[in-house]
Amino acid sequence: MKRGLLFGLGSCLCVGVLSGLLQLFNDVPTAAIMMAISVPSSILVIREATRSPPNRSRMHGVIGWFAGFLIVGAVLLSIFGIVVVFSPWPS
């Protein structure tokens, strides 16, 4: 399941690279930050995924890929949720 999880995370980071390229036309500093984080991270994660042992079954690989792909969104949703809960009400 580790290999599927890492490939899913790498896929999500590759989508982040594509989003950074699309953002390059609108907001250059945001695109630069996205690219500076996503490109090296995706390379490292995909290299580690190719070195990890294969999954025991196809179902473990698919579930791991979905979990890895959605984990970045879940972390960001949690961070934004905490910020909203602990932010003061507008006056």
PDB file of N, CA and C in Angstrom:
ATOM      1  N   MET A   1       0.833  -1.189   0.000  1.00  0.00           N
ATOM      2  CA  MET A   1       0.000   0.000   0.000  1.00  0.00           C
ATOM      3  C   MET A   1       0.877   1.252   0.000  1.00  0.00           C
ATOM      4  N   LYS A   2       2.118   1.110   0.460  1.00  0.00           N
ATOM      5  CA  LYS A   2       3.030   2.250   0.505  1.00  0.00           C
ATOM      6  C   LYS A   2       3.318   2.768  -0.898  1.00  0.00           C
ATOM      7  N   ARG A   3       3.507   1.862  -1.842  1.00  0.00           N
ATOM      8  CA  ARG A   3       3.815   2.276  -3.205  1.00  0.00           C
ATOM      9  C   ARG A   3       2.658   3.036  -3.836  1.00  0.00           C
ATOM     10  N   GLY A   4       1.446   2.543  -3.652  1.00  0.00           N
ATOM     11  CA  GLY A   4       0.272   3.233  -4.176  1.00  0.00           C
ATOM     12  C   GLY A   4       0.085   4.596  -3.530  1.00  0.00           C
ATOM     13  N   LEU A   5       0.309   4.675  -2.217  1.00  0.00           N
ATOM     14  CA  LEU A   5       0.186   5.941  -1.507  1.00  0.00           C
ATOM     15  C   LEU A   5       1.191   6.960  -2.033  1.00  0.00           C
ATOM     16  N   LEU A   6       2.421   6.522  -2.248  1.00  0.00           N
ATOM     17  CA  LEU A   6       3.436   7.437  -2.749  1.00  0.00           C
ATOM     18  C   LEU A   6       3.159   7.867  -4.187  1.00  0.00           C
ATOM     19  N   PHE A   7       2.684   6.941  -5.022  1.00  0.00           N
ATOM     20  CA  PHE A   7       2.341   7.330  -6.389  1.00  0.00           C
ATOM     21  C   PHE A   7       1.148   8.288  -6.410  1.00  0.00           C
ATOM     22  N   GLY A   8       0.190   8.101  -5.524  1.00  0.00           N
ATOM     23  CA  GLY A   8      -0.925   9.033  -5.431  1.00  0.00           C
ATOM     24  C   GLY A   8      -0.479  10.412  -4.981  1.00  0.00           C
ATOM     25  N   LEU A   9       0.409  10.459  -4.001  1.00  0.00           N
ATOM     26  CA  LEU A   9       0.946  11.734  -3.538  1.00  0.00           C
ATOM     27  C   LEU A   9       1.757  12.407  -4.637  1.00  0.00           C
ATOM     28  N   GLY A  10       2.537  11.622  -5.373  1.00  0.00           N
ATOM     29  CA  GLY A  10       3.293  12.170  -6.490  1.00  0.00           C
ATOM     30  C   GLY A  10       2.389  12.708  -7.586  1.00  0.00           C
ATOM     31  N   SER A  11       1.282  12.021  -7.837  1.00  0.00           N
ATOM     32  CA  SER A  11       0.323  12.499  -8.836  1.00  0.00           C
ATOM     33  C   SER A  11      -0.303  13.813  -8.402  1.00  0.00           C
ATOM     34  N   CYS A  12      -0.635  13.919  -7.137  1.00  0.00           N
ATOM     35  CA  CYS A  12      -1.219  15.162  -6.618  1.00  0.00           C
ATOM     36  C   CYS A  12      -0.216  16.309  -6.721  1.00  0.00           C
ATOM     37  N   LEU A  13       1.033  16.038  -6.437  1.00  0.00           N
ATOM     38  CA  LEU A  13       2.058  17.072  -6.548  1.00  0.00           C
ATOM     39  C   LEU A  13       2.304  17.454  -8.003  1.00  0.00           C
ATOM     40  N   CYS A  14       2.183  16.496  -8.930  1.00  0.00           N
ATOM     41  CA  CYS A  14       2.300  16.817 -10.360  1.00  0.00           C
ATOM     42  C   CYS A  14       1.148  17.705 -10.815  1.00  0.00           C
ATOM     43  N   VAL A  15      -0.039  17.483 -10.271  1.00  0.00           N
ATOM     44  CA  VAL A  15      -1.163  18.378 -10.566  1.00  0.00           C
ATOM     45  C   VAL A  15      -0.872  19.759  -9.994  1.00  0.00           C
ATOM     46  N   GLY A  16      -0.201  19.828  -8.851  1.00  0.00           N
ATOM     47  CA  GLY A  16       0.214  21.104  -8.286  1.00  0.00           C
ATOM     48  C   GLY A  16       1.214  21.824  -9.187  1.00  0.00           C
ATOM     49  N   VAL A  17       2.095  21.080  -9.843  1.00  0.00           N
ATOM     50  CA  VAL A  17       3.030  21.674 -10.792  1.00  0.00           C
ATOM     51  C   VAL A  17       2.259  22.271 -11.970  1.00  0.00           C
ATOM     52  N   LEU A  18       1.295  21.524 -12.488  1.00  0.00           N
ATOM     53  CA  LEU A  18       0.481  22.034 -13.600  1.00  0.00           C
ATOM     54  C   LEU A  18      -0.325  23.258 -13.182  1.00  0.00           C
ATOM     55  N   SER A  19      -0.833  23.263 -11.972  1.00  0.00           N
ATOM     56  CA  SER A  19      -1.553  24.440 -11.470  1.00  0.00           C
ATOM     57  C   SER A  19      -0.624  25.636 -11.350  1.00  0.00           C
ATOM     58  N   GLY A  20       0.602  25.399 -10.933  1.00  0.00           N
ATOM     59  CA  GLY A  20       1.572  26.476 -10.856  1.00  0.00           C
ATOM     60  C   GLY A  20       1.896  27.048 -12.224  1.00  0.00           C
ATOM     61  N   LEU A  21       1.979  26.178 -13.228  1.00  0.00           N
ATOM     62  CA  LEU A  21       2.218  26.667 -14.588  1.00  0.00           C
ATOM     63  C   LEU A  21       1.039  27.488 -15.096  1.00  0.00           C
ATOM     64  N   LEU A  22      -0.164  27.076 -14.778  1.00  0.00           N
ATOM     65  CA  LEU A  22      -1.332  27.849 -15.186  1.00  0.00           C
ATOM     66  C   LEU A  22      -1.424  29.171 -14.427  1.00  0.00           C
ATOM     67  N   GLN A  23      -1.001  29.168 -13.180  1.00  0.00           N
ATOM     68  CA  GLN A  23      -1.045  30.368 -12.357  1.00  0.00           C
ATOM     69  C   GLN A  23       0.027  31.370 -12.773  1.00  0.00           C
ATOM     70  N   LEU A  24       1.005  30.934 -13.532  1.00  0.00           N
ATOM     71  CA  LEU A  24       2.108  31.795 -13.948  1.00  0.00           C
ATOM     72  C   LEU A  24       1.637  33.008 -14.733  1.00  0.00           C
ATOM     73  N   PHE A  25       0.534  32.873 -15.467  1.00  0.00           N
ATOM     74  CA  PHE A  25       0.016  33.989 -16.253  1.00  0.00           C
ATOM     75  C   PHE A  25      -0.735  35.014 -15.401  1.00  0.00           C
ATOM     76  N   ASN A  26      -1.235  34.618 -14.246  1.00  0.00           N
ATOM     77  CA  ASN A  26      -2.034  35.505 -13.402  1.00  0.00           C
ATOM     78  C   ASN A  26      -1.234  36.139 -12.268  1.00  0.00           C
ATOM     79  N   ASP A  27      -0.522  35.317 -11.521  1.00  0.00           N
ATOM     80  CA  ASP A  27       0.158  35.794 -10.313  1.00  0.00           C
ATOM     81  C   ASP A  27       1.516  35.109 -10.218  1.00  0.00           C
ATOM     82  N   VAL A  28       2.565  35.804 -10.576  1.00  0.00           N
ATOM     83  CA  VAL A  28       3.889  35.204 -10.670  1.00  0.00           C
ATOM     84  C   VAL A  28       4.453  34.773  -9.309  1.00  0.00           C
ATOM     85  N   PRO A  29       4.348  35.572  -8.227  1.00  0.00           N
ATOM     86  CA  PRO A  29       4.910  35.106  -6.951  1.00  0.00           C
ATOM     87  C   PRO A  29       4.230  33.836  -6.418  1.00  0.00           C
ATOM     88  N   THR A  30       2.911  33.772  -6.558  1.00  0.00           N
ATOM     89  CA  THR A  30       2.205  32.570  -6.109  1.00  0.00           C
ATOM     90  C   THR A  30       2.627  31.364  -6.930  1.00  0.00           C
ATOM     91  N   ALA A  31       2.764  31.544  -8.230  1.00  0.00           N
ATOM     92  CA  ALA A  31       3.191  30.453  -9.108  1.00  0.00           C
ATOM     93  C   ALA A  31       4.608  30.008  -8.761  1.00  0.00           C
ATOM     94  N   ALA A  32       5.479  30.956  -8.455  1.00  0.00           N
ATOM     95  CA  ALA A  32       6.853  30.604  -8.105  1.00  0.00           C
ATOM     96  C   ALA A  32       6.904  29.791  -6.815  1.00  0.00           C
ATOM     97  N   ILE A  33       6.092  30.164  -5.840  1.00  0.00           N
ATOM     98  CA  ILE A  33       6.046  29.411  -4.579  1.00  0.00           C
ATOM     99  C   ILE A  33       5.494  28.011  -4.814  1.00  0.00           C
ATOM    100  N   MET A  34       4.421  27.913  -5.596  1.00  0.00           N
ATOM    101  CA  MET A  34       3.837  26.603  -5.891  1.00  0.00           C
ATOM    102  C   MET A  34       4.835  25.705  -6.606  1.00  0.00           C
ATOM    103  N   MET A  35       5.548  26.267  -7.572  1.00  0.00           N
ATOM    104  CA  MET A  35       6.509  25.481  -8.332  1.00  0.00           C
ATOM    105  C   MET A  35       7.720  25.106  -7.469  1.00  0.00           C
ATOM    106  N   ALA A  36       8.157  26.020  -6.607  1.00  0.00           N
ATOM    107  CA  ALA A  36       9.318  25.743  -5.761  1.00  0.00           C
ATOM    108  C   ALA A  36       9.038  24.621  -4.766  1.00  0.00           C
ATOM    109  N   ILE A  37       7.791  24.460  -4.380  1.00  0.00           N
ATOM    110  CA  ILE A  37       7.431  23.395  -3.444  1.00  0.00           C
ATOM    111  C   ILE A  37       7.089  22.107  -4.181  1.00  0.00           C
ATOM    112  N   SER A  38       6.315  22.205  -5.249  1.00  0.00           N
ATOM    113  CA  SER A  38       5.775  21.020  -5.914  1.00  0.00           C
ATOM    114  C   SER A  38       6.790  20.251  -6.748  1.00  0.00           C
ATOM    115  N   VAL A  39       7.653  20.945  -7.473  1.00  0.00           N
ATOM    116  CA  VAL A  39       8.571  20.248  -8.384  1.00  0.00           C
ATOM    117  C   VAL A  39       9.545  19.343  -7.638  1.00  0.00           C
ATOM    118  N   PRO A  40      10.326  19.849  -6.658  1.00  0.00           N
ATOM    119  CA  PRO A  40      11.251  18.930  -5.986  1.00  0.00           C
ATOM    120  C   PRO A  40      10.532  17.855  -5.176  1.00  0.00           C
ATOM    121  N   SER A  41       9.405  18.219  -4.571  1.00  0.00           N
ATOM    122  CA  SER A  41       8.667  17.228  -3.778  1.00  0.00           C
ATOM    123  C   SER A  41       8.153  16.097  -4.650  1.00  0.00           C
ATOM    124  N   SER A  42       7.603  16.434  -5.815  1.00  0.00           N
ATOM    125  CA  SER A  42       7.066  15.388  -6.691  1.00  0.00           C
ATOM    126  C   SER A  42       8.180  14.484  -7.198  1.00  0.00           C
ATOM    127  N   ILE A  43       9.326  15.053  -7.520  1.00  0.00           N
ATOM    128  CA  ILE A  43      10.448  14.229  -7.989  1.00  0.00           C
ATOM    129  C   ILE A  43      10.902  13.267  -6.901  1.00  0.00           C
ATOM    130  N   LEU A  44      11.050  13.769  -5.686  1.00  0.00           N
ATOM    131  CA  LEU A  44      11.496  12.903  -4.588  1.00  0.00           C
ATOM    132  C   LEU A  44      10.485  11.813  -4.265  1.00  0.00           C
ATOM    133  N   VAL A  45       9.201  12.165  -4.261  1.00  0.00           N
ATOM    134  CA  VAL A  45       8.167  11.189  -3.916  1.00  0.00           C
ATOM    135  C   VAL A  45       8.061  10.108  -4.993  1.00  0.00           C
ATOM    136  N   ILE A  46       8.114  10.486  -6.253  1.00  0.00           N
ATOM    137  CA  ILE A  46       8.001   9.488  -7.322  1.00  0.00           C
ATOM    138  C   ILE A  46       9.239   8.595  -7.369  1.00  0.00           C
ATOM    139  N   ARG A  47      10.421   9.146  -7.095  1.00  0.00           N
ATOM    140  CA  ARG A  47      11.628   8.307  -7.040  1.00  0.00           C
ATOM    141  C   ARG A  47      11.537   7.294  -5.899  1.00  0.00           C
ATOM    142  N   GLU A  48      11.021   7.734  -4.755  1.00  0.00           N
ATOM    143  CA  GLU A  48      10.863   6.813  -3.626  1.00  0.00           C
ATOM    144  C   GLU A  48       9.798   5.760  -3.928  1.00  0.00           C
ATOM    145  N   ALA A  49       8.753   6.152  -4.649  1.00  0.00           N
ATOM    146  CA  ALA A  49       7.698   5.194  -4.984  1.00  0.00           C
ATOM    147  C   ALA A  49       8.205   4.109  -5.921  1.00  0.00           C
ATOM    148  N   THR A  50       9.074   4.468  -6.853  1.00  0.00           N
ATOM    149  CA  THR A  50       9.597   3.441  -7.765  1.00  0.00           C
ATOM    150  C   THR A  50      10.558   2.499  -7.058  1.00  0.00           C
ATOM    151  N   ARG A  51      11.187   2.953  -5.969  1.00  0.00           N
ATOM    152  CA  ARG A  51      12.091   2.091  -5.211  1.00  0.00           C
ATOM    153  C   ARG A  51      11.379   1.203  -4.199  1.00  0.00           C
ATOM    154  N   SER A  52      10.150   1.537  -3.840  1.00  0.00           N
ATOM    155  CA  SER A  52       9.445   0.750  -2.826  1.00  0.00           C
ATOM    156  C   SER A  52       8.957  -0.572  -3.430  1.00  0.00           C
ATOM    157  N   PRO A  53       8.742  -1.584  -2.589  1.00  0.00           N
ATOM    158  CA  PRO A  53       8.302  -2.882  -3.107  1.00  0.00           C
ATOM    159  C   PRO A  53       6.887  -2.806  -3.667  1.00  0.00           C
ATOM    160  N   PRO A  54       6.564  -3.675  -4.627  1.00  0.00           N
ATOM    161  CA  PRO A  54       5.224  -3.630  -5.219  1.00  0.00           C
ATOM    162  C   PRO A  54       4.134  -3.992  -4.211  1.00  0.00           C
ATOM    163  N   ASN A  55       2.919  -3.589  -4.548  1.00  0.00           N
ATOM    164  CA  ASN A  55       1.778  -3.863  -3.670  1.00  0.00           C
ATOM    165  C   ASN A  55       1.427  -5.345  -3.699  1.00  0.00           C
ATOM    166  N   ARG A  56       0.787  -5.798  -2.614  1.00  0.00           N
ATOM    167  CA  ARG A  56       0.373  -7.201  -2.557  1.00  0.00           C
ATOM    168  C   ARG A  56      -0.763  -7.482  -3.516  1.00  0.00           C
ATOM    169  N   SER A  57      -1.657  -6.548  -3.645  1.00  0.00           N
ATOM    170  CA  SER A  57      -2.786  -6.736  -4.555  1.00  0.00           C
ATOM    171  C   SER A  57      -3.086  -5.426  -5.268  1.00  0.00           C
ATOM    172  N   ARG A  58      -3.849  -5.544  -6.339  1.00  0.00           N
ATOM    173  CA  ARG A  58      -4.228  -4.357  -7.100  1.00  0.00           C
ATOM    174  C   ARG A  58      -5.137  -3.454  -6.271  1.00  0.00           C
ATOM    175  N   MET A  59      -5.998  -4.042  -5.443  1.00  0.00           N
ATOM    176  CA  MET A  59      -6.911  -3.253  -4.622  1.00  0.00           C
ATOM    177  C   MET A  59      -6.139  -2.403  -3.614  1.00  0.00           C
ATOM    178  N   HIS A  60      -5.086  -2.954  -3.002  1.00  0.00           N
ATOM    179  CA  HIS A  60      -4.258  -2.165  -2.090  1.00  0.00           C
ATOM    180  C   HIS A  60      -3.605  -0.997  -2.824  1.00  0.00           C
ATOM    181  N   GLY A  61      -3.162  -1.237  -4.038  1.00  0.00           N
ATOM    182  CA  GLY A  61      -2.555  -0.168  -4.821  1.00  0.00           C
ATOM    183  C   GLY A  61      -3.546   0.930  -5.162  1.00  0.00           C
ATOM    184  N   VAL A  62      -4.768   0.559  -5.535  1.00  0.00           N
ATOM    185  CA  VAL A  62      -5.782   1.559  -5.902  1.00  0.00           C
ATOM    186  C   VAL A  62      -6.214   2.361  -4.685  1.00  0.00           C
ATOM    187  N   ILE A  63      -6.450   1.692  -3.576  1.00  0.00           N
ATOM    188  CA  ILE A  63      -6.848   2.394  -2.352  1.00  0.00           C
ATOM    189  C   ILE A  63      -5.715   3.299  -1.871  1.00  0.00           C
ATOM    190  N   GLY A  64      -4.482   2.819  -1.952  1.00  0.00           N
ATOM    191  CA  GLY A  64      -3.343   3.641  -1.572  1.00  0.00           C
ATOM    192  C   GLY A  64      -3.193   4.849  -2.477  1.00  0.00           C
ATOM    193  N   TRP A  65      -3.440   4.675  -3.792  1.00  0.00           N
ATOM    194  CA  TRP A  65      -3.335   5.797  -4.717  1.00  0.00           C
ATOM    195  C   TRP A  65      -4.381   6.860  -4.399  1.00  0.00           C
ATOM    196  N   PHE A  66      -5.630   6.438  -4.166  1.00  0.00           N
ATOM    197  CA  PHE A  66      -6.681   7.396  -3.806  1.00  0.00           C
ATOM    198  C   PHE A  66      -6.349   8.123  -2.505  1.00  0.00           C
ATOM    199  N   ALA A  67      -5.864   7.381  -1.525  1.00  0.00           N
ATOM    200  CA  ALA A  67      -5.507   8.010  -0.242  1.00  0.00           C
ATOM    201  C   ALA A  67      -4.364   8.998  -0.426  1.00  0.00           C
ATOM    202  N   GLY A  68      -3.357   8.627  -1.207  1.00  0.00           N
ATOM    203  CA  GLY A  68      -2.231   9.528  -1.444  1.00  0.00           C
ATOM    204  C   GLY A  68      -2.626  10.753  -2.234  1.00  0.00           C
ATOM    205  N   PHE A  69      -3.531  10.590  -3.188  1.00  0.00           N
ATOM    206  CA  PHE A  69      -3.963  11.724  -4.004  1.00  0.00           C
ATOM    207  C   PHE A  69      -4.800  12.701  -3.192  1.00  0.00           C
ATOM    208  N   LEU A  70      -5.605  12.192  -2.279  1.00  0.00           N
ATOM    209  CA  LEU A  70      -6.509  13.048  -1.517  1.00  0.00           C
ATOM    210  C   LEU A  70      -5.915  13.569  -0.204  1.00  0.00           C
ATOM    211  N   ILE A  71      -4.736  13.085   0.183  1.00  0.00           N
ATOM    212  CA  ILE A  71      -4.186  13.457   1.481  1.00  0.00           C
ATOM    213  C   ILE A  71      -3.807  14.933   1.547  1.00  0.00           C
ATOM    214  N   VAL A  72      -3.315  15.509   0.454  1.00  0.00           N
ATOM    215  CA  VAL A  72      -2.939  16.930   0.459  1.00  0.00           C
ATOM    216  C   VAL A  72      -4.185  17.791   0.656  1.00  0.00           C
ATOM    217  N   GLY A  73      -5.264  17.446  -0.024  1.00  0.00           N
ATOM    218  CA  GLY A  73      -6.520  18.184   0.146  1.00  0.00           C
ATOM    219  C   GLY A  73      -7.065  18.063   1.556  1.00  0.00           C
ATOM    220  N   ALA A  74      -6.951  16.893   2.147  1.00  0.00           N
ATOM    221  CA  ALA A  74      -7.435  16.711   3.520  1.00  0.00           C
ATOM    222  C   ALA A  74      -6.612  17.533   4.510  1.00  0.00           C
ATOM    223  N   VAL A  75      -5.316  17.587   4.317  1.00  0.00           N
ATOM    224  CA  VAL A  75      -4.465  18.384   5.208  1.00  0.00           C
ATOM    225  C   VAL A  75      -4.786  19.867   5.066  1.00  0.00           C
ATOM    226  N   LEU A  76      -4.921  20.340   3.829  1.00  0.00           N
ATOM    227  CA  LEU A  76      -5.250  21.751   3.621  1.00  0.00           C
ATOM    228  C   LEU A  76      -6.628  22.092   4.179  1.00  0.00           C
ATOM    229  N   LEU A  77      -7.591  21.198   3.992  1.00  0.00           N
ATOM    230  CA  LEU A  77      -8.928  21.419   4.543  1.00  0.00           C
ATOM    231  C   LEU A  77      -8.885  21.492   6.059  1.00  0.00           C
ATOM    232  N   SER A  78      -8.089  20.647   6.683  1.00  0.00           N
ATOM    233  CA  SER A  78      -7.952  20.679   8.146  1.00  0.00           C
ATOM    234  C   SER A  78      -7.315  21.979   8.619  1.00  0.00           C
ATOM    235  N   ILE A  79      -6.273  22.423   7.918  1.00  0.00           N
ATOM    236  CA  ILE A  79      -5.610  23.670   8.307  1.00  0.00           C
ATOM    237  C   ILE A  79      -6.569  24.845   8.178  1.00  0.00           C
ATOM    238  N   PHE A  80      -7.269  24.929   7.056  1.00  0.00           N
ATOM    239  CA  PHE A  80      -8.210  26.030   6.870  1.00  0.00           C
ATOM    240  C   PHE A  80      -9.368  25.953   7.858  1.00  0.00           C
ATOM    241  N   GLY A  81      -9.807  24.750   8.199  1.00  0.00           N
ATOM    242  CA  GLY A  81     -10.858  24.593   9.195  1.00  0.00           C
ATOM    243  C   GLY A  81     -10.425  25.083  10.562  1.00  0.00           C
ATOM    244  N   ILE A  82      -9.203  24.784  10.954  1.00  0.00           N
ATOM    245  CA  ILE A  82      -8.687  25.258  12.237  1.00  0.00           C
ATOM    246  C   ILE A  82      -8.582  26.776  12.236  1.00  0.00           C
ATOM    247  N   VAL A  83      -8.126  27.345  11.118  1.00  0.00           N
ATOM    248  CA  VAL A  83      -8.017  28.806  11.025  1.00  0.00           C
ATOM    249  C   VAL A  83      -9.390  29.450  11.154  1.00  0.00           C
ATOM    250  N   VAL A  84     -10.396  28.885  10.503  1.00  0.00           N
ATOM    251  CA  VAL A  84     -11.751  29.450  10.561  1.00  0.00           C
ATOM    252  C   VAL A  84     -12.329  29.317  11.968  1.00  0.00           C
ATOM    253  N   VAL A  85     -12.127  28.200  12.606  1.00  0.00           N
ATOM    254  CA  VAL A  85     -12.695  27.997  13.945  1.00  0.00           C
ATOM    255  C   VAL A  85     -12.068  28.952  14.959  1.00  0.00           C
ATOM    256  N   PHE A  86     -10.771  29.170  14.879  1.00  0.00           N
ATOM    257  CA  PHE A  86     -10.098  29.992  15.874  1.00  0.00           C
ATOM    258  C   PHE A  86      -9.935  31.450  15.465  1.00  0.00           C
ATOM    259  N   SER A  87     -10.473  31.842  14.332  1.00  0.00           N
ATOM    260  CA  SER A  87     -10.394  33.251  13.954  1.00  0.00           C
ATOM    261  C   SER A  87     -11.520  34.018  14.653  1.00  0.00           C
ATOM    262  N   PRO A  88     -11.265  35.269  15.010  1.00  0.00           N
ATOM    263  CA  PRO A  88     -12.300  36.047  15.704  1.00  0.00           C
ATOM    264  C   PRO A  88     -13.444  36.411  14.755  1.00  0.00           C
ATOM    265  N   TRP A  89     -14.619  36.577  15.327  1.00  0.00           N
ATOM    266  CA  TRP A  89     -15.780  36.975  14.534  1.00  0.00           C
ATOM    267  C   TRP A  89     -15.623  38.411  14.062  1.00  0.00           C
ATOM    268  N   PRO A  90     -16.100  38.715  12.875  1.00  0.00           N
ATOM    269  CA  PRO A  90     -16.002  40.116  12.413  1.00  0.00           C
ATOM    270  C   PRO A  90     -16.911  41.016  13.226  1.00  0.00           C
ATOM    271  N   SER A  91     -16.459  42.230  13.458  1.00  0.00           N
ATOM    272  CA  SER A  91     -17.223  43.175  14.295  1.00  0.00           C
ATOM    273  C   SER A  91     -18.267  43.906  13.492  1.00  0.00           C
TER     274      SER A  91
END
